[in-house]
PDB file of all heavy atoms in Angstrom:
ATOM      1  N   ALA A   1      41.541 104.946  83.024  1.00  0.00           N
ATOM      2  CA  ALA A   1      42.228 106.109  83.338  1.00  0.00           C
ATOM      3  C   ALA A   1      42.007 107.195  82.209  1.00  0.00           C
ATOM      4  O   ALA A   1      42.137 106.781  81.055  1.00  0.00           O
ATOM      5  CB  ALA A   1      43.749 105.772  83.451  1.00  0.00           C
ATOM      6  N   VAL A   2      41.835 108.419  82.550  1.00  0.00           N
ATOM      7  CA  VAL A   2      41.621 109.428  81.463  1.00  0.00           C
ATOM      8  C   VAL A   2      42.583 110.631  81.696  1.00  0.00           C
ATOM      9  O   VAL A   2      42.742 111.334  80.786  1.00  0.00           O
ATOM     10  CB  VAL A   2      40.143 109.921  81.456  1.00  0.00           C
ATOM     11  CG1 VAL A   2      39.222 108.777  80.987  1.00  0.00           C
ATOM     12  CG2 VAL A   2      39.687 110.442  82.909  1.00  0.00           C
ATOM     13  N   ALA A   3      43.045 110.718  82.918  1.00  0.00           N
ATOM     14  CA  ALA A   3      43.895 112.045  83.255  1.00  0.00           C
ATOM     15  C   ALA A   3      44.757 111.778  84.360  1.00  0.00           C
ATOM     16  O   ALA A   3      44.584 110.831  85.152  1.00  0.00           O
ATOM     17  CB  ALA A   3      42.994 113.320  83.468  1.00  0.00           C
ATOM     18  N   VAL A   4      45.824 112.610  84.539  1.00  0.00           N
ATOM     19  CA  VAL A   4      46.632 112.564  85.662  1.00  0.00           C
ATOM     20  C   VAL A   4      46.832 113.951  86.249  1.00  0.00           C
ATOM     21  O   VAL A   4      47.002 114.908  85.480  1.00  0.00           O
ATOM     22  CB  VAL A   4      48.111 112.043  85.182  1.00  0.00           C
ATOM     23  CG1 VAL A   4      49.071 111.996  86.428  1.00  0.00           C
ATOM     24  CG2 VAL A   4      48.088 110.765  84.444  1.00  0.00           C
ATOM     25  N   ARG A   5      46.663 113.860  87.579  1.00  0.00           N
ATOM     26  CA  ARG A   5      46.542 115.250  88.349  1.00  0.00           C
ATOM     27  C   ARG A   5      47.898 115.439  89.064  1.00  0.00           C
ATOM     28  O   ARG A   5      48.499 114.487  89.690  1.00  0.00           O
ATOM     29  CB  ARG A   5      45.374 115.121  89.280  1.00  0.00           C
ATOM     30  CG  ARG A   5      45.240 116.401  90.143  1.00  0.00           C
ATOM     31  CD  ARG A   5      43.972 116.247  90.948  1.00  0.00           C
ATOM     32  NE  ARG A   5      42.771 116.231  89.997  1.00  0.00           N
ATOM     33  CZ  ARG A   5      41.625 115.655  90.340  1.00  0.00           C
ATOM     34  NH1 ARG A   5      41.585 114.988  91.556  1.00  0.00           N
ATOM     35  NH2 ARG A   5      40.623 115.648  89.508  1.00  0.00           N
ATOM     36  N   ASN A   6      48.433 116.604  89.081  1.00  0.00           N
ATOM     37  CA  ASN A   6      49.505 116.948  89.935  1.00  0.00           C
ATOM     38  C   ASN A   6      50.785 116.452  89.508  1.00  0.00           C
ATOM     39  O   ASN A   6      51.779 116.185  90.294  1.00  0.00           O
ATOM     40  CB  ASN A   6      49.249 116.743  91.498  1.00  0.00           C
ATOM     41  CG  ASN A   6      48.128 117.523  92.033  1.00  0.00           C
ATOM     42  OD1 ASN A   6      47.956 118.675  91.738  1.00  0.00           O
ATOM     43  ND2 ASN A   6      47.263 116.807  92.759  1.00  0.00           N
ATOM     44  N   ALA A   7      50.925 116.221  88.178  1.00  0.00           N
ATOM     45  CA  ALA A   7      52.086 115.589  87.591  1.00  0.00           C
ATOM     46  C   ALA A   7      53.227 116.601  87.396  1.00  0.00           C
ATOM     47  O   ALA A   7      52.948 117.596  86.769  1.00  0.00           O
ATOM     48  CB  ALA A   7      51.738 114.879  86.308  1.00  0.00           C
ATOM     49  N   PRO A   8      54.425 116.386  87.833  1.00  0.00           N
ATOM     50  CA  PRO A   8      55.642 117.286  87.539  1.00  0.00           C
ATOM     51  C   PRO A   8      55.800 117.315  86.065  1.00  0.00           C
ATOM     52  O   PRO A   8      55.482 116.294  85.371  1.00  0.00           O
ATOM     53  CB  PRO A   8      56.674 116.728  88.348  1.00  0.00           C
ATOM     54  CG  PRO A   8      56.400 115.227  88.531  1.00  0.00           C
ATOM     55  CD  PRO A   8      54.876 115.133  88.638  1.00  0.00           C
ATOM     56  N   THR A   9      56.550 118.361  85.648  1.00  0.00           N
ATOM     57  CA  THR A   9      56.820 118.472  84.143  1.00  0.00           C
ATOM     58  C   THR A   9      57.488 117.301  83.554  1.00  0.00           C
ATOM     59  O   THR A   9      57.275 117.015  82.439  1.00  0.00           O
ATOM     60  CB  THR A   9      57.653 119.792  84.007  1.00  0.00           C
ATOM     61  OG1 THR A   9      56.992 120.864  84.748  1.00  0.00           O
ATOM     62  CG2 THR A   9      57.811 120.160  82.506  1.00  0.00           C
ATOM     63  N   ASP A  10      58.424 116.754  84.357  1.00  0.00           N
ATOM     64  CA  ASP A  10      59.263 115.640  83.691  1.00  0.00           C
ATOM     65  C   ASP A  10      58.394 114.381  83.325  1.00  0.00           C
ATOM     66  O   ASP A  10      58.789 113.404  82.770  1.00  0.00           O
ATOM     67  CB  ASP A  10      60.374 115.265  84.583  1.00  0.00           C
ATOM     68  CG  ASP A  10      60.136 114.877  85.952  1.00  0.00           C
ATOM     69  OD1 ASP A  10      58.851 114.834  86.326  1.00  0.00           O
ATOM     70  OD2 ASP A  10      60.961 114.383  86.804  1.00  0.00           O
ATOM     71  N   MET A  11      57.246 114.423  83.891  1.00  0.00           N
ATOM     72  CA  MET A  11      56.250 113.183  83.633  1.00  0.00           C
ATOM     73  C   MET A  11      55.396 113.536  82.429  1.00  0.00           C
ATOM     74  O   MET A  11      54.726 112.553  81.835  1.00  0.00           O
ATOM     75  CB  MET A  11      55.359 112.902  84.763  1.00  0.00           C
ATOM     76  CG  MET A  11      56.003 112.285  85.994  1.00  0.00           C
ATOM     77  SD  MET A  11      54.833 111.990  87.223  1.00  0.00           S
ATOM     78  CE  MET A  11      55.775 111.178  88.530  1.00  0.00           C
ATOM     79  N   HIS A  12      55.236 114.779  81.908  1.00  0.00           N
ATOM     80  CA  HIS A  12      54.188 115.085  81.053  1.00  0.00           C
ATOM     81  C   HIS A  12      54.265 114.297  79.668  1.00  0.00           C
ATOM     82  O   HIS A  12      53.270 113.889  79.272  1.00  0.00           O
ATOM     83  CB  HIS A  12      54.292 116.611  80.671  1.00  0.00           C
ATOM     84  CG  HIS A  12      53.771 117.386  81.945  1.00  0.00           C
ATOM     85  ND1 HIS A  12      53.658 118.844  81.822  1.00  0.00           N
ATOM     86  CD2 HIS A  12      53.395 117.034  83.132  1.00  0.00           C
ATOM     87  CE1 HIS A  12      53.167 119.245  82.916  1.00  0.00           C
ATOM     88  NE2 HIS A  12      53.085 118.243  83.790  1.00  0.00           N
ATOM     89  N   ASP A  13      55.453 114.229  79.179  1.00  0.00           N
ATOM     90  CA  ASP A  13      55.638 113.523  77.834  1.00  0.00           C
ATOM     91  C   ASP A  13      55.168 112.098  77.930  1.00  0.00           C
ATOM     92  O   ASP A  13      54.389 111.595  77.043  1.00  0.00           O
ATOM     93  CB  ASP A  13      57.075 113.514  77.367  1.00  0.00           C
ATOM     94  CG  ASP A  13      57.508 114.892  76.868  1.00  0.00           C
ATOM     95  OD1 ASP A  13      56.550 115.763  76.618  1.00  0.00           O
ATOM     96  OD2 ASP A  13      58.695 115.227  76.730  1.00  0.00           O
ATOM     97  N   ALA A  14      55.560 111.447  78.979  1.00  0.00           N
ATOM     98  CA  ALA A  14      55.200 109.878  79.088  1.00  0.00           C
ATOM     99  C   ALA A  14      53.685 109.817  79.429  1.00  0.00           C
ATOM    100  O   ALA A  14      53.069 108.817  78.804  1.00  0.00           O
ATOM    101  CB  ALA A  14      55.963 109.258  80.258  1.00  0.00           C
ATOM    102  N   ILE A  15      53.110 110.725  80.138  1.00  0.00           N
ATOM    103  CA  ILE A  15      51.700 110.752  80.395  1.00  0.00           C
ATOM    104  C   ILE A  15      50.852 110.976  79.075  1.00  0.00           C
ATOM    105  O   ILE A  15      50.005 110.266  78.692  1.00  0.00           O
ATOM    106  CB  ILE A  15      51.243 111.841  81.334  1.00  0.00           C
ATOM    107  CG1 ILE A  15      51.752 111.370  82.737  1.00  0.00           C
ATOM    108  CG2 ILE A  15      49.749 111.979  81.418  1.00  0.00           C
ATOM    109  CD1 ILE A  15      51.738 112.520  83.783  1.00  0.00           C
ATOM    110  N   LEU A  16      51.330 111.887  78.356  1.00  0.00           N
ATOM    111  CA  LEU A  16      50.600 112.290  76.953  1.00  0.00           C
ATOM    112  C   LEU A  16      50.758 111.202  75.990  1.00  0.00           C
ATOM    113  O   LEU A  16      49.878 110.968  75.124  1.00  0.00           O
ATOM    114  CB  LEU A  16      51.169 113.611  76.516  1.00  0.00           C
ATOM    115  CG  LEU A  16      50.836 114.849  77.284  1.00  0.00           C
ATOM    116  CD1 LEU A  16      51.603 116.100  76.705  1.00  0.00           C
ATOM    117  CD2 LEU A  16      49.372 115.130  77.386  1.00  0.00           C
ATOM    118  N   ALA A  17      51.859 110.410  76.086  1.00  0.00           N
ATOM    119  CA  ALA A  17      52.123 109.379  75.111  1.00  0.00           C
ATOM    120  C   ALA A  17      51.038 108.236  75.234  1.00  0.00           C
ATOM    121  O   ALA A  17      50.863 107.525  74.366  1.00  0.00           O
ATOM    122  CB  ALA A  17      53.490 108.842  75.243  1.00  0.00           C
ATOM    123  N   GLN A  18      50.519 108.173  76.492  1.00  0.00           N
ATOM    124  CA  GLN A  18      49.555 106.989  76.748  1.00  0.00           C
ATOM    125  C   GLN A  18      48.026 107.631  76.499  1.00  0.00           C
ATOM    126  O   GLN A  18      47.189 106.844  76.676  1.00  0.00           O
ATOM    127  CB  GLN A  18      49.641 106.576  78.262  1.00  0.00           C
ATOM    128  CG  GLN A  18      50.779 105.994  78.610  1.00  0.00           C
ATOM    129  CD  GLN A  18      51.032 104.634  77.717  1.00  0.00           C
ATOM    130  OE1 GLN A  18      50.106 103.862  77.553  1.00  0.00           O
ATOM    131  NE2 GLN A  18      52.298 104.381  77.288  1.00  0.00           N
ATOM    132  N   GLY A  19      48.051 108.914  75.913  1.00  0.00           N
ATOM    133  CA  GLY A  19      46.602 109.353  75.597  1.00  0.00           C
ATOM    134  C   GLY A  19      45.958 109.957  76.752  1.00  0.00           C
ATOM    135  O   GLY A  19      44.729 110.189  76.648  1.00  0.00           O
ATOM    136  N   LEU A  20      46.712 110.176  77.842  1.00  0.00           N
ATOM    137  CA  LEU A  20      45.952 110.654  79.047  1.00  0.00           C
ATOM    138  C   LEU A  20      46.166 112.226  79.055  1.00  0.00           C
ATOM    139  O   LEU A  20      47.068 112.841  78.452  1.00  0.00           O
ATOM    140  CB  LEU A  20      46.722 110.188  80.268  1.00  0.00           C
ATOM    141  CG  LEU A  20      46.630 108.631  80.493  1.00  0.00           C
ATOM    142  CD1 LEU A  20      47.569 108.214  81.755  1.00  0.00           C
ATOM    143  CD2 LEU A  20      45.329 108.020  80.597  1.00  0.00           C
ATOM    144  N   SER A  21      45.200 112.771  79.728  1.00  0.00           N
ATOM    145  CA  SER A  21      45.183 114.277  79.860  1.00  0.00           C
ATOM    146  C   SER A  21      45.964 114.706  81.120  1.00  0.00           C
ATOM    147  O   SER A  21      46.220 113.969  81.962  1.00  0.00           O
ATOM    148  CB  SER A  21      43.773 114.763  79.831  1.00  0.00           C
ATOM    149  OG  SER A  21      43.085 114.577  78.707  1.00  0.00           O
ATOM    150  N   LEU A  22      46.353 115.994  81.148  1.00  0.00           N
ATOM    151  CA  LEU A  22      47.021 116.483  82.246  1.00  0.00           C
ATOM    152  C   LEU A  22      46.040 117.463  82.972  1.00  0.00           C
ATOM    153  O   LEU A  22      45.358 118.264  82.341  1.00  0.00           O
ATOM    154  CB  LEU A  22      48.326 117.363  81.813  1.00  0.00           C
ATOM    155  CG  LEU A  22      49.355 116.543  81.158  1.00  0.00           C
ATOM    156  CD1 LEU A  22      50.401 117.617  80.611  1.00  0.00           C
ATOM    157  CD2 LEU A  22      50.038 115.696  82.164  1.00  0.00           C
ATOM    158  N   ASP A  23      45.879 117.165  84.450  1.00  0.00           N
ATOM    159  CA  ASP A  23      45.043 117.819  85.226  1.00  0.00           C
ATOM    160  C   ASP A  23      45.834 118.571  86.318  1.00  0.00           C
ATOM    161  O   ASP A  23      46.498 117.876  87.116  1.00  0.00           O
ATOM    162  CB  ASP A  23      44.067 116.910  85.872  1.00  0.00           C
ATOM    163  CG  ASP A  23      42.892 117.666  86.601  1.00  0.00           C
ATOM    164  OD1 ASP A  23      43.059 118.842  86.869  1.00  0.00           O
ATOM    165  OD2 ASP A  23      41.937 116.933  86.924  1.00  0.00           O
ATOM    166  N   SER A  24      45.841 119.900  86.391  1.00  0.00           N
ATOM    167  CA  SER A  24      46.569 120.584  87.445  1.00  0.00           C
ATOM    168  C   SER A  24      45.985 120.452  88.812  1.00  0.00           C
ATOM    169  O   SER A  24      46.565 120.790  89.885  1.00  0.00           O
ATOM    170  CB  SER A  24      46.708 122.047  87.068  1.00  0.00           C
ATOM    171  OG  SER A  24      45.317 122.660  87.150  1.00  0.00           O
ATOM    172  N   GLY A  25      44.649 119.935  88.821  1.00  0.00           N
ATOM    173  CA  GLY A  25      44.015 119.935  90.162  1.00  0.00           C
ATOM    174  C   GLY A  25      43.189 121.151  90.452  1.00  0.00           C
ATOM    175  O   GLY A  25      42.475 121.268  91.484  1.00  0.00           O
ATOM    176  N   LYS A  26      43.430 122.156  89.657  1.00  0.00           N
ATOM    177  CA  LYS A  26      42.679 123.434  89.921  1.00  0.00           C
ATOM    178  C   LYS A  26      41.401 123.559  89.145  1.00  0.00           C
ATOM    179  O   LYS A  26      41.233 122.871  88.060  1.00  0.00           O
ATOM    180  CB  LYS A  26      43.629 124.674  89.616  1.00  0.00           C
ATOM    181  CG  LYS A  26      44.834 124.752  90.366  1.00  0.00           C
ATOM    182  CD  LYS A  26      45.694 125.959  89.911  1.00  0.00           C
ATOM    183  CE  LYS A  26      47.024 126.100  90.795  1.00  0.00           C
ATOM    184  NZ  LYS A  26      47.760 127.254  90.358  1.00  0.00           N
ATOM    185  N   THR A  27      40.489 124.273  89.662  1.00  0.00           N
ATOM    186  CA  THR A  27      39.291 124.527  88.911  1.00  0.00           C
ATOM    187  C   THR A  27      39.209 125.930  88.352  1.00  0.00           C
ATOM    188  O   THR A  27      40.222 126.778  88.681  1.00  0.00           O
ATOM    189  CB  THR A  27      38.001 124.368  89.892  1.00  0.00           C
ATOM    190  OG1 THR A  27      38.079 125.402  90.880  1.00  0.00           O
ATOM    191  CG2 THR A  27      37.985 123.000  90.566  1.00  0.00           C
ATOM    192  N   ARG A  28      38.260 126.227  87.501  1.00  0.00           N
ATOM    193  CA  ARG A  28      38.237 127.678  86.976  1.00  0.00           C
ATOM    194  C   ARG A  28      38.136 128.642  88.068  1.00  0.00           C
ATOM    195  O   ARG A  28      38.490 129.757  87.964  1.00  0.00           O
ATOM    196  CB  ARG A  28      37.079 127.689  85.951  1.00  0.00           C
ATOM    197  CG  ARG A  28      37.327 126.766  84.743  1.00  0.00           C
ATOM    198  CD  ARG A  28      36.015 127.003  83.825  1.00  0.00           C
ATOM    199  NE  ARG A  28      36.290 126.118  82.561  1.00  0.00           N
ATOM    200  CZ  ARG A  28      35.402 126.018  81.694  1.00  0.00           C
ATOM    201  NH1 ARG A  28      34.221 126.725  81.754  1.00  0.00           N
ATOM    202  NH2 ARG A  28      35.544 125.237  80.625  1.00  0.00           N
TER     203      ARG A  28
END
């Protein structure tokens, strides 16, 4: 696991604490 997509804001801290990146699911 390297990233989490479509995570709501209340999950962000727990996700980042595991060293995972946040992915909105959008491209440039």
